[in-house]
């Protein structure tokens, strides 16, 4: 199974922003082979989450581990039948272990997304309430 997660540039920590994550890690859970994919949507003026989700669809990903996700991204992933798991542990290796050990739950609450360039969530955007 191909598992993916949004990661920071250091490739050691999960990124809190799915659509604006600089990279995605894709792990083949059977072989443990890892691939890093640049998120070409990260700097988009709008629709970054949708475009980022499409990148994962195009890569054949079957599951995503992420701290949170916007509704538009979730819709794309759900249509592609990609399972989305919530992970509070921000360390990549620990997140992979938690996934493999079946300790993660499905992410079912999605935020409305960050709009107008507020993708980092640091401006008090109403879109990140509850996360």
C-alpha atoms as a PDB file:
ATOM      1  CA  UNK A   1       0.000   0.000   0.000  1.00  0.00           C
ATOM      2  CA  UNK A   2       1.199   3.508  -0.774  1.00  0.00           C
ATOM      3  CA  UNK A   3       1.025   5.748   2.285  1.00  0.00           C
ATOM      4  CA  UNK A   4       1.642   9.483   2.067  1.00  0.00           C
ATOM      5  CA  UNK A   5       2.078  12.383   4.460  1.00  0.00           C
ATOM      6  CA  UNK A   6       2.794  16.108   4.100  1.00  0.00           C
ATOM      7  CA  UNK A   7       6.327  16.876   5.281  1.00  0.00           C
ATOM      8  CA  UNK A   8       8.488  19.891   5.970  1.00  0.00           C
ATOM      9  CA  UNK A   9      11.665  20.626   4.049  1.00  0.00           C
ATOM     10  CA  UNK A  10      13.740  18.792   6.679  1.00  0.00           C
ATOM     11  CA  UNK A  11      11.835  15.597   5.724  1.00  0.00           C
ATOM     12  CA  UNK A  12      11.734  14.602   9.399  1.00  0.00           C
ATOM     13  CA  UNK A  13       8.561  16.369  10.541  1.00  0.00           C
ATOM     14  CA  UNK A  14       4.972  16.347   9.309  1.00  0.00           C
ATOM     15  CA  UNK A  15       3.764  19.675   7.970  1.00  0.00           C
ATOM     16  CA  UNK A  16       0.615  21.032   9.627  1.00  0.00           C
ATOM     17  CA  UNK A  17      -0.627  22.430   6.322  1.00  0.00           C
ATOM     18  CA  UNK A  18      -1.540  19.774   3.767  1.00  0.00           C
ATOM     19  CA  UNK A  19      -1.969  21.964   0.675  1.00  0.00           C
ATOM     20  CA  UNK A  20       0.992  24.223   1.487  1.00  0.00           C
ATOM     21  CA  UNK A  21       3.363  21.452   2.566  1.00  0.00           C
ATOM     22  CA  UNK A  22       6.618  21.769   0.634  1.00  0.00           C
ATOM     23  CA  UNK A  23       6.856  18.003   0.062  1.00  0.00           C
ATOM     24  CA  UNK A  24       5.032  14.713   0.405  1.00  0.00           C
ATOM     25  CA  UNK A  25       6.607  11.504   1.611  1.00  0.00           C
ATOM     26  CA  UNK A  26       5.260   8.374  -0.055  1.00  0.00           C
ATOM     27  CA  UNK A  27       6.034   5.077   1.647  1.00  0.00           C
ATOM     28  CA  UNK A  28       5.373   1.633   0.238  1.00  0.00           C
ATOM     29  CA  UNK A  29       4.253  -0.123   3.410  1.00  0.00           C
ATOM     30  CA  UNK A  30       5.167  -3.552   2.029  1.00  0.00           C
ATOM     31  CA  UNK A  31       8.759  -2.771   0.983  1.00  0.00           C
ATOM     32  CA  UNK A  32       9.388   0.324   3.167  1.00  0.00           C
ATOM     33  CA  UNK A  33      10.661   2.081   0.019  1.00  0.00           C
ATOM     34  CA  UNK A  34      10.365   5.843   0.432  1.00  0.00           C
ATOM     35  CA  UNK A  35       9.945   8.541  -2.180  1.00  0.00           C
ATOM     36  CA  UNK A  36       9.796  12.316  -1.671  1.00  0.00           C
ATOM     37  CA  UNK A  37       7.574  14.269  -4.048  1.00  0.00           C
ATOM     38  CA  UNK A  38       7.743  18.059  -4.307  1.00  0.00           C
ATOM     39  CA  UNK A  39       4.375  19.713  -3.769  1.00  0.00           C
ATOM     40  CA  UNK A  40       4.185  21.917  -6.854  1.00  0.00           C
ATOM     41  CA  UNK A  41       0.892  23.334  -5.539  1.00  0.00           C
ATOM     42  CA  UNK A  42       2.426  24.780  -2.359  1.00  0.00           C
ATOM     43  CA  UNK A  43       2.897  28.276  -3.777  1.00  0.00           C
ATOM     44  CA  UNK A  44      -0.347  28.435  -5.755  1.00  0.00           C
ATOM     45  CA  UNK A  45      -2.393  31.605  -5.367  1.00  0.00           C
ATOM     46  CA  UNK A  46      -5.481  29.495  -4.660  1.00  0.00           C
ATOM     47  CA  UNK A  47      -6.670  25.920  -4.751  1.00  0.00           C
ATOM     48  CA  UNK A  48      -3.449  24.541  -3.271  1.00  0.00           C
ATOM     49  CA  UNK A  49      -5.231  21.812  -1.320  1.00  0.00           C
ATOM     50  CA  UNK A  50      -7.138  20.555  -4.334  1.00  0.00           C
ATOM     51  CA  UNK A  51      -4.006  20.521  -6.495  1.00  0.00           C
ATOM     52  CA  UNK A  52      -1.975  18.850  -3.722  1.00  0.00           C
ATOM     53  CA  UNK A  53      -4.636  16.153  -3.355  1.00  0.00           C
ATOM     54  CA  UNK A  54      -4.492  15.561  -7.113  1.00  0.00           C
ATOM     55  CA  UNK A  55      -0.724  15.044  -6.862  1.00  0.00           C
ATOM     56  CA  UNK A  56      -1.352  12.184  -4.423  1.00  0.00           C
ATOM     57  CA  UNK A  57      -4.076  10.740  -6.641  1.00  0.00           C
ATOM     58  CA  UNK A  58      -1.665  10.815  -9.597  1.00  0.00           C
ATOM     59  CA  UNK A  59       0.990   9.041  -7.494  1.00  0.00           C
ATOM     60  CA  UNK A  60      -1.414   6.180  -6.738  1.00  0.00           C
ATOM     61  CA  UNK A  61      -1.500   6.859  -3.010  1.00  0.00           C
ATOM     62  CA  UNK A  62      -4.028   4.774  -1.060  1.00  0.00           C
ATOM     63  CA  UNK A  63      -3.760   6.375   2.394  1.00  0.00           C
ATOM     64  CA  UNK A  64      -2.798   9.760   3.823  1.00  0.00           C
ATOM     65  CA  UNK A  65      -1.585  10.547   7.339  1.00  0.00           C
ATOM     66  CA  UNK A  66      -1.978  14.213   8.256  1.00  0.00           C
ATOM     67  CA  UNK A  67      -2.655  16.428  11.279  1.00  0.00           C
ATOM     68  CA  UNK A  68      -5.576  18.163   9.529  1.00  0.00           C
ATOM     69  CA  UNK A  69      -7.177  18.621   6.138  1.00  0.00           C
ATOM     70  CA  UNK A  70      -9.445  21.093   4.389  1.00  0.00           C
ATOM     71  CA  UNK A  71     -12.846  20.183   3.001  1.00  0.00           C
ATOM     72  CA  UNK A  72     -11.880  20.711  -0.658  1.00  0.00           C
ATOM     73  CA  UNK A  73      -8.822  18.475  -0.346  1.00  0.00           C
ATOM     74  CA  UNK A  74     -10.857  15.877   1.515  1.00  0.00           C
ATOM     75  CA  UNK A  75     -13.449  15.797  -1.250  1.00  0.00           C
ATOM     76  CA  UNK A  76     -10.809  15.048  -3.902  1.00  0.00           C
ATOM     77  CA  UNK A  77      -9.224  12.337  -1.758  1.00  0.00           C
ATOM     78  CA  UNK A  78     -12.574  10.760  -0.874  1.00  0.00           C
ATOM     79  CA  UNK A  79     -13.588  10.577  -4.536  1.00  0.00           C
ATOM     80  CA  UNK A  80     -10.292   8.782  -5.222  1.00  0.00           C
ATOM     81  CA  UNK A  81     -10.997   6.411  -2.290  1.00  0.00           C
ATOM     82  CA  UNK A  82      -7.862   7.516  -0.435  1.00  0.00           C
ATOM     83  CA  UNK A  83      -8.236   6.890   3.299  1.00  0.00           C
ATOM     84  CA  UNK A  84      -7.249   9.819   5.507  1.00  0.00           C
ATOM     85  CA  UNK A  85      -5.856   9.193   8.988  1.00  0.00           C
ATOM     86  CA  UNK A  86      -5.315  11.783  11.706  1.00  0.00           C
ATOM     87  CA  UNK A  87      -1.912  11.884  13.327  1.00  0.00           C
ATOM     88  CA  UNK A  88      -0.957  14.127  16.223  1.00  0.00           C
ATOM     89  CA  UNK A  89       2.649  12.924  16.308  1.00  0.00           C
ATOM     90  CA  UNK A  90       4.609  15.289  14.078  1.00  0.00           C
ATOM     91  CA  UNK A  91       7.715  13.097  13.705  1.00  0.00           C
ATOM     92  CA  UNK A  92       7.625  11.246  10.359  1.00  0.00           C
ATOM     93  CA  UNK A  93       9.118   7.948  11.554  1.00  0.00           C
ATOM     94  CA  UNK A  94       6.762   7.847  14.554  1.00  0.00           C
ATOM     95  CA  UNK A  95       3.762   8.603  12.312  1.00  0.00           C
ATOM     96  CA  UNK A  96       4.713   5.701  10.033  1.00  0.00           C
ATOM     97  CA  UNK A  97       5.044   3.385  13.059  1.00  0.00           C
ATOM     98  CA  UNK A  98       1.654   4.491  14.405  1.00  0.00           C
ATOM     99  CA  UNK A  99       0.079   3.824  11.003  1.00  0.00           C
ATOM    100  CA  UNK A 100       1.700   0.376  10.719  1.00  0.00           C
ATOM    101  CA  UNK A 101       0.646  -0.461  14.291  1.00  0.00           C
ATOM    102  CA  UNK A 102      -2.952   0.557  13.452  1.00  0.00           C
ATOM    103  CA  UNK A 103      -2.948   3.239  16.165  1.00  0.00           C
ATOM    104  CA  UNK A 104      -4.349   6.008  13.959  1.00  0.00           C
ATOM    105  CA  UNK A 105      -8.016   6.829  13.490  1.00  0.00           C
ATOM    106  CA  UNK A 106      -9.745   8.024  10.364  1.00  0.00           C
ATOM    107  CA  UNK A 107      -9.884  11.803  10.048  1.00  0.00           C
ATOM    108  CA  UNK A 108     -13.540  12.769   9.770  1.00  0.00           C
ATOM    109  CA  UNK A 109     -13.581  16.462  10.754  1.00  0.00           C
ATOM    110  CA  UNK A 110     -12.291  18.776   8.057  1.00  0.00           C
ATOM    111  CA  UNK A 111     -11.672  22.517   8.298  1.00  0.00           C
ATOM    112  CA  UNK A 112     -13.042  24.899   5.666  1.00  0.00           C
ATOM    113  CA  UNK A 113      -9.568  25.595   4.307  1.00  0.00           C
ATOM    114  CA  UNK A 114      -7.318  28.615   4.305  1.00  0.00           C
ATOM    115  CA  UNK A 115      -8.054  31.199   1.681  1.00  0.00           C
ATOM    116  CA  UNK A 116      -6.460  34.307   0.215  1.00  0.00           C
ATOM    117  CA  UNK A 117      -2.870  33.316   0.965  1.00  0.00           C
ATOM    118  CA  UNK A 118      -3.447  32.470   4.615  1.00  0.00           C
ATOM    119  CA  UNK A 119      -2.310  28.867   4.192  1.00  0.00           C
ATOM    120  CA  UNK A 120       0.117  28.932   7.093  1.00  0.00           C
ATOM    121  CA  UNK A 121      -2.651  29.317   9.649  1.00  0.00           C
ATOM    122  CA  UNK A 122      -0.629  31.903  11.575  1.00  0.00           C
ATOM    123  CA  UNK A 123      -2.952  34.833  10.972  1.00  0.00           C
ATOM    124  CA  UNK A 124      -5.836  33.780  13.184  1.00  0.00           C
ATOM    125  CA  UNK A 125      -7.817  32.370  10.256  1.00  0.00           C
ATOM    126  CA  UNK A 126     -11.226  31.089  11.294  1.00  0.00           C
ATOM    127  CA  UNK A 127     -10.511  28.037   9.139  1.00  0.00           C
ATOM    128  CA  UNK A 128      -8.400  26.294  11.757  1.00  0.00           C
ATOM    129  CA  UNK A 129     -10.804  26.317  14.720  1.00  0.00           C
ATOM    130  CA  UNK A 130     -10.791  23.023  16.521  1.00  0.00           C
ATOM    131  CA  UNK A 131      -7.447  21.899  15.129  1.00  0.00           C
END
